[in-house]
Protein backbone atom coordinates (compact mmCIF):
# COMPACT_ATOMS: atom_id res chain seq x y z
CA UNK A 1 0.00 0.00 0.00
CA UNK A 2 2.86 2.40 0.85
CA UNK A 3 4.50 1.65 -2.47
CA UNK A 4 1.44 2.70 -4.45
CA UNK A 5 1.15 5.94 -2.44
CA UNK A 6 4.81 6.71 -3.10
CA UNK A 7 4.44 5.96 -6.81
CA UNK A 8 1.30 8.08 -7.02
CA UNK A 9 3.08 10.97 -5.27
CA UNK A 10 6.08 10.68 -7.61
CA UNK A 11 3.82 10.57 -10.66
CA UNK A 12 1.93 13.65 -9.46
CA UNK A 13 5.20 15.50 -8.77
CA UNK A 14 6.59 14.53 -12.18
CA UNK A 15 3.38 15.70 -13.83
CA UNK A 16 3.60 19.05 -12.10
CA UNK A 17 7.24 19.52 -13.02
CA UNK A 18 6.75 18.43 -16.61
CA UNK A 19 3.54 20.45 -16.88
CA UNK A 20 5.33 23.66 -15.90
CA UNK A 21 8.17 22.99 -18.33
CA UNK A 22 6.00 23.01 -21.45
CA UNK A 23 6.26 25.86 -23.91
CA UNK A 24 3.50 28.46 -23.85
CA UNK A 25 4.25 29.78 -27.34
CA UNK A 26 2.85 28.26 -30.50
CA UNK A 27 6.31 28.03 -32.10
CA UNK A 28 7.93 24.60 -32.27
CA UNK A 29 11.04 24.08 -30.17
CA UNK A 30 14.19 23.78 -32.28
CA UNK A 31 16.69 21.17 -31.18
CA UNK A 32 20.32 21.56 -32.23
CA UNK A 33 22.08 18.28 -33.00
CA UNK A 34 25.28 17.71 -31.04
CA UNK A 35 28.16 16.05 -32.84
CA UNK A 36 30.07 13.61 -30.67
CA UNK A 37 33.79 13.20 -31.29
CA UNK A 38 34.48 9.56 -32.01
CA UNK A 39 37.96 8.57 -30.94
CA UNK A 40 39.53 5.35 -32.05
CA UNK A 41 42.38 4.07 -29.96
CA UNK A 42 45.59 3.18 -31.77
CA UNK A 43 46.47 -0.50 -32.05
CA UNK A 44 50.16 -0.14 -32.84
CA UNK A 45 52.99 0.20 -30.30
CA UNK A 46 55.07 3.41 -30.58
CA UNK A 47 58.72 3.25 -31.52
CA UNK A 48 61.10 3.82 -28.62
CA UNK A 49 63.63 5.92 -30.53
CA UNK A 50 61.69 8.47 -32.61
CA UNK A 51 58.45 10.47 -32.54
CA UNK A 52 55.76 8.17 -33.87
CA UNK A 53 52.08 8.89 -34.65
CA UNK A 54 48.86 6.96 -34.15
CA UNK A 55 50.33 4.61 -31.57
CA UNK A 56 50.42 3.81 -27.86
CA UNK A 57 53.21 3.23 -25.34
CA UNK A 58 52.90 0.94 -22.35
CA UNK A 59 56.56 0.13 -21.78
CA UNK A 60 59.12 1.76 -19.52
CA UNK A 61 57.93 5.04 -18.06
CA UNK A 62 54.42 6.47 -18.11
CA UNK A 63 51.91 5.04 -20.58
CA UNK A 64 50.61 7.35 -23.30
CA UNK A 65 48.66 7.50 -26.54
CA UNK A 66 49.68 9.49 -29.63
CA UNK A 67 46.93 10.39 -32.08
CA UNK A 68 47.24 10.98 -35.84
CA UNK A 69 47.89 14.69 -35.23
CA UNK A 70 50.90 13.84 -33.03
CA UNK A 71 49.13 14.91 -29.81
CA UNK A 72 50.48 13.00 -26.82
CA UNK A 73 47.98 12.07 -24.10
CA UNK A 74 49.43 10.46 -20.99
CA UNK A 75 47.29 8.12 -18.91
CA UNK A 76 48.59 10.06 -15.90
CA UNK A 77 46.49 13.26 -16.07
CA UNK A 78 49.17 15.30 -14.27
CA UNK A 79 51.32 15.09 -17.41
CA UNK A 80 48.60 16.47 -19.73
CA UNK A 81 48.63 20.10 -18.56
CA UNK A 82 49.31 22.30 -21.64
CA UNK A 83 50.69 25.14 -19.49
CA UNK A 84 53.28 22.83 -17.93
CA UNK A 85 54.28 21.51 -21.36
CA UNK A 86 54.69 25.06 -22.70
CA UNK A 87 56.79 25.96 -19.64
CA UNK A 88 58.88 22.82 -20.24
CA UNK A 89 59.64 23.87 -23.81
CA UNK A 90 60.44 27.44 -22.74
CA UNK A 91 62.76 26.24 -19.95
CA UNK A 92 64.68 23.94 -22.30
CA UNK A 93 65.04 26.58 -25.00
CA UNK A 94 66.33 29.02 -22.39
CA UNK A 95 68.86 26.40 -21.25
CA UNK A 96 70.02 26.02 -24.91
CA UNK A 97 69.06 22.37 -25.01
CA UNK A 98 68.36 20.50 -28.23
CA UNK A 99 65.01 18.76 -28.84
CA UNK A 100 65.58 15.02 -29.11
CA UNK A 101 61.95 13.85 -29.21
CA UNK A 102 61.57 10.28 -27.96
CA UNK A 103 64.32 8.59 -25.98
CA UNK A 104 63.74 4.96 -24.88
CA UNK A 105 59.99 5.49 -25.11
CA UNK A 106 59.98 8.75 -23.12
CA UNK A 107 58.42 11.61 -25.09
CA UNK A 108 59.24 15.33 -25.17
CA UNK A 109 62.94 14.90 -24.37
CA UNK A 110 65.60 17.60 -24.63
CA UNK A 111 69.37 17.22 -24.32
CA UNK A 112 72.34 19.36 -23.38
CA UNK A 113 74.74 18.16 -26.05
CA UNK A 114 78.45 17.96 -25.41
CA UNK A 115 81.13 15.31 -24.80
CA UNK A 116 78.51 13.78 -22.51
CA UNK A 117 74.91 14.53 -23.44
CA UNK A 118 72.45 15.01 -20.61
CA UNK A 119 68.89 14.05 -21.58
CA UNK A 120 65.88 15.53 -19.78
CA UNK A 121 62.36 14.28 -20.52
CA UNK A 122 59.03 15.84 -19.60
CA UNK A 123 57.89 12.77 -17.69
CA UNK A 124 60.89 13.03 -15.35
CA UNK A 125 63.24 10.58 -17.09
CA UNK A 126 66.92 11.61 -16.96
CA UNK A 127 69.79 9.99 -18.79
CA UNK A 128 73.34 10.58 -19.96
CA UNK A 129 74.69 9.41 -23.28
C-alpha atoms as a PDB file:
ATOM      1  CA  UNK A   1       0.000   0.000   0.000  1.00  0.00           C
ATOM      2  CA  UNK A   2       2.857   2.399   0.851  1.00  0.00           C
ATOM      3  CA  UNK A   3       4.504   1.646  -2.469  1.00  0.00           C
ATOM      4  CA  UNK A   4       1.442   2.700  -4.454  1.00  0.00           C
ATOM      5  CA  UNK A   5       1.155   5.940  -2.443  1.00  0.00           C
ATOM      6  CA  UNK A   6       4.814   6.710  -3.100  1.00  0.00           C
ATOM      7  CA  UNK A   7       4.438   5.957  -6.815  1.00  0.00           C
ATOM      8  CA  UNK A   8       1.301   8.082  -7.022  1.00  0.00           C
ATOM      9  CA  UNK A   9       3.077  10.971  -5.271  1.00  0.00           C
ATOM     10  CA  UNK A  10       6.084  10.677  -7.609  1.00  0.00           C
ATOM     11  CA  UNK A  11       3.824  10.570 -10.660  1.00  0.00           C
ATOM     12  CA  UNK A  12       1.931  13.646  -9.457  1.00  0.00           C
ATOM     13  CA  UNK A  13       5.201  15.502  -8.772  1.00  0.00           C
ATOM     14  CA  UNK A  14       6.588  14.529 -12.181  1.00  0.00           C
ATOM     15  CA  UNK A  15       3.382  15.696 -13.828  1.00  0.00           C
ATOM     16  CA  UNK A  16       3.603  19.050 -12.095  1.00  0.00           C
ATOM     17  CA  UNK A  17       7.241  19.520 -13.023  1.00  0.00           C
ATOM     18  CA  UNK A  18       6.748  18.435 -16.605  1.00  0.00           C
ATOM     19  CA  UNK A  19       3.535  20.450 -16.876  1.00  0.00           C
ATOM     20  CA  UNK A  20       5.331  23.664 -15.902  1.00  0.00           C
ATOM     21  CA  UNK A  21       8.173  22.985 -18.333  1.00  0.00           C
ATOM     22  CA  UNK A  22       6.003  23.014 -21.448  1.00  0.00           C
ATOM     23  CA  UNK A  23       6.263  25.855 -23.914  1.00  0.00           C
ATOM     24  CA  UNK A  24       3.496  28.459 -23.852  1.00  0.00           C
ATOM     25  CA  UNK A  25       4.246  29.776 -27.337  1.00  0.00           C
ATOM     26  CA  UNK A  26       2.849  28.261 -30.504  1.00  0.00           C
ATOM     27  CA  UNK A  27       6.313  28.034 -32.104  1.00  0.00           C
ATOM     28  CA  UNK A  28       7.931  24.603 -32.268  1.00  0.00           C
ATOM     29  CA  UNK A  29      11.036  24.078 -30.168  1.00  0.00           C
ATOM     30  CA  UNK A  30      14.189  23.778 -32.282  1.00  0.00           C
ATOM     31  CA  UNK A  31      16.692  21.174 -31.177  1.00  0.00           C
ATOM     32  CA  UNK A  32      20.318  21.565 -32.235  1.00  0.00           C
ATOM     33  CA  UNK A  33      22.084  18.280 -32.998  1.00  0.00           C
ATOM     34  CA  UNK A  34      25.280  17.712 -31.044  1.00  0.00           C
ATOM     35  CA  UNK A  35      28.160  16.050 -32.835  1.00  0.00           C
ATOM     36  CA  UNK A  36      30.072  13.606 -30.675  1.00  0.00           C
ATOM     37  CA  UNK A  37      33.788  13.198 -31.286  1.00  0.00           C
ATOM     38  CA  UNK A  38      34.483   9.558 -32.014  1.00  0.00           C
ATOM     39  CA  UNK A  39      37.957   8.570 -30.939  1.00  0.00           C
ATOM     40  CA  UNK A  40      39.532   5.348 -32.052  1.00  0.00           C
ATOM     41  CA  UNK A  41      42.376   4.066 -29.963  1.00  0.00           C
ATOM     42  CA  UNK A  42      45.589   3.178 -31.772  1.00  0.00           C
ATOM     43  CA  UNK A  43      46.466  -0.496 -32.046  1.00  0.00           C
ATOM     44  CA  UNK A  44      50.164  -0.139 -32.835  1.00  0.00           C
ATOM     45  CA  UNK A  45      52.991   0.201 -30.295  1.00  0.00           C
ATOM     46  CA  UNK A  46      55.066   3.406 -30.576  1.00  0.00           C
ATOM     47  CA  UNK A  47      58.724   3.252 -31.523  1.00  0.00           C
ATOM     48  CA  UNK A  48      61.096   3.821 -28.620  1.00  0.00           C
ATOM     49  CA  UNK A  49      63.626   5.921 -30.530  1.00  0.00           C
ATOM     50  CA  UNK A  50      61.687   8.475 -32.610  1.00  0.00           C
ATOM     51  CA  UNK A  51      58.455  10.473 -32.544  1.00  0.00           C
ATOM     52  CA  UNK A  52      55.764   8.166 -33.866  1.00  0.00           C
ATOM     53  CA  UNK A  53      52.079   8.885 -34.655  1.00  0.00           C
ATOM     54  CA  UNK A  54      48.857   6.959 -34.146  1.00  0.00           C
ATOM     55  CA  UNK A  55      50.329   4.608 -31.570  1.00  0.00           C
ATOM     56  CA  UNK A  56      50.418   3.810 -27.860  1.00  0.00           C
ATOM     57  CA  UNK A  57      53.209   3.225 -25.343  1.00  0.00           C
ATOM     58  CA  UNK A  58      52.902   0.939 -22.355  1.00  0.00           C
ATOM     59  CA  UNK A  59      56.562   0.126 -21.783  1.00  0.00           C
ATOM     60  CA  UNK A  60      59.122   1.756 -19.515  1.00  0.00           C
ATOM     61  CA  UNK A  61      57.927   5.036 -18.055  1.00  0.00           C
ATOM     62  CA  UNK A  62      54.425   6.468 -18.109  1.00  0.00           C
ATOM     63  CA  UNK A  63      51.908   5.044 -20.578  1.00  0.00           C
ATOM     64  CA  UNK A  64      50.608   7.353 -23.302  1.00  0.00           C
ATOM     65  CA  UNK A  65      48.665   7.496 -26.543  1.00  0.00           C
ATOM     66  CA  UNK A  66      49.682   9.490 -29.627  1.00  0.00           C
ATOM     67  CA  UNK A  67      46.933  10.392 -32.084  1.00  0.00           C
ATOM     68  CA  UNK A  68      47.237  10.981 -35.835  1.00  0.00           C
ATOM     69  CA  UNK A  69      47.894  14.687 -35.234  1.00  0.00           C
ATOM     70  CA  UNK A  70      50.897  13.837 -33.031  1.00  0.00           C
ATOM     71  CA  UNK A  71      49.130  14.906 -29.812  1.00  0.00           C
ATOM     72  CA  UNK A  72      50.482  13.000 -26.821  1.00  0.00           C
ATOM     73  CA  UNK A  73      47.980  12.065 -24.101  1.00  0.00           C
ATOM     74  CA  UNK A  74      49.428  10.459 -20.988  1.00  0.00           C
ATOM     75  CA  UNK A  75      47.292   8.118 -18.912  1.00  0.00           C
ATOM     76  CA  UNK A  76      48.588  10.059 -15.900  1.00  0.00           C
ATOM     77  CA  UNK A  77      46.489  13.259 -16.073  1.00  0.00           C
ATOM     78  CA  UNK A  78      49.173  15.298 -14.275  1.00  0.00           C
ATOM     79  CA  UNK A  79      51.323  15.087 -17.414  1.00  0.00           C
ATOM     80  CA  UNK A  80      48.603  16.469 -19.729  1.00  0.00           C
ATOM     81  CA  UNK A  81      48.628  20.101 -18.557  1.00  0.00           C
ATOM     82  CA  UNK A  82      49.307  22.303 -21.644  1.00  0.00           C
ATOM     83  CA  UNK A  83      50.691  25.141 -19.492  1.00  0.00           C
ATOM     84  CA  UNK A  84      53.280  22.827 -17.933  1.00  0.00           C
ATOM     85  CA  UNK A  85      54.281  21.514 -21.358  1.00  0.00           C
ATOM     86  CA  UNK A  86      54.692  25.057 -22.696  1.00  0.00           C
ATOM     87  CA  UNK A  87      56.789  25.963 -19.644  1.00  0.00           C
ATOM     88  CA  UNK A  88      58.879  22.816 -20.241  1.00  0.00           C
ATOM     89  CA  UNK A  89      59.639  23.874 -23.813  1.00  0.00           C
ATOM     90  CA  UNK A  90      60.437  27.435 -22.740  1.00  0.00           C
ATOM     91  CA  UNK A  91      62.762  26.235 -19.953  1.00  0.00           C
ATOM     92  CA  UNK A  92      64.678  23.943 -22.303  1.00  0.00           C
ATOM     93  CA  UNK A  93      65.036  26.578 -24.999  1.00  0.00           C
ATOM     94  CA  UNK A  94      66.330  29.024 -22.385  1.00  0.00           C
ATOM     95  CA  UNK A  95      68.863  26.400 -21.248  1.00  0.00           C
ATOM     96  CA  UNK A  96      70.016  26.024 -24.913  1.00  0.00           C
ATOM     97  CA  UNK A  97      69.058  22.365 -25.013  1.00  0.00           C
ATOM     98  CA  UNK A  98      68.358  20.496 -28.234  1.00  0.00           C
ATOM     99  CA  UNK A  99      65.007  18.763 -28.837  1.00  0.00           C
ATOM    100  CA  UNK A 100      65.576  15.015 -29.107  1.00  0.00           C
ATOM    101  CA  UNK A 101      61.948  13.852 -29.207  1.00  0.00           C
ATOM    102  CA  UNK A 102      61.566  10.281 -27.964  1.00  0.00           C
ATOM    103  CA  UNK A 103      64.318   8.586 -25.979  1.00  0.00           C
ATOM    104  CA  UNK A 104      63.737   4.965 -24.880  1.00  0.00           C
ATOM    105  CA  UNK A 105      59.991   5.491 -25.112  1.00  0.00           C
ATOM    106  CA  UNK A 106      59.984   8.746 -23.122  1.00  0.00           C
ATOM    107  CA  UNK A 107      58.419  11.606 -25.095  1.00  0.00           C
ATOM    108  CA  UNK A 108      59.237  15.327 -25.166  1.00  0.00           C
ATOM    109  CA  UNK A 109      62.945  14.899 -24.375  1.00  0.00           C
ATOM    110  CA  UNK A 110      65.599  17.601 -24.634  1.00  0.00           C
ATOM    111  CA  UNK A 111      69.370  17.219 -24.323  1.00  0.00           C
ATOM    112  CA  UNK A 112      72.336  19.361 -23.376  1.00  0.00           C
ATOM    113  CA  UNK A 113      74.737  18.165 -26.052  1.00  0.00           C
ATOM    114  CA  UNK A 114      78.453  17.959 -25.408  1.00  0.00           C
ATOM    115  CA  UNK A 115      81.128  15.308 -24.797  1.00  0.00           C
ATOM    116  CA  UNK A 116      78.507  13.781 -22.509  1.00  0.00           C
ATOM    117  CA  UNK A 117      74.912  14.531 -23.445  1.00  0.00           C
ATOM    118  CA  UNK A 118      72.451  15.006 -20.605  1.00  0.00           C
ATOM    119  CA  UNK A 119      68.893  14.047 -21.579  1.00  0.00           C
ATOM    120  CA  UNK A 120      65.879  15.534 -19.775  1.00  0.00           C
ATOM    121  CA  UNK A 121      62.362  14.276 -20.520  1.00  0.00           C
ATOM    122  CA  UNK A 122      59.034  15.845 -19.603  1.00  0.00           C
ATOM    123  CA  UNK A 123      57.888  12.765 -17.685  1.00  0.00           C
ATOM    124  CA  UNK A 124      60.890  13.028 -15.348  1.00  0.00           C
ATOM    125  CA  UNK A 125      63.238  10.580 -17.091  1.00  0.00           C
ATOM    126  CA  UNK A 126      66.917  11.612 -16.958  1.00  0.00           C
ATOM    127  CA  UNK A 127      69.789   9.987 -18.788  1.00  0.00           C
ATOM    128  CA  UNK A 128      73.336  10.581 -19.961  1.00  0.00           C
ATOM    129  CA  UNK A 129      74.685   9.412 -23.276  1.00  0.00           C
END
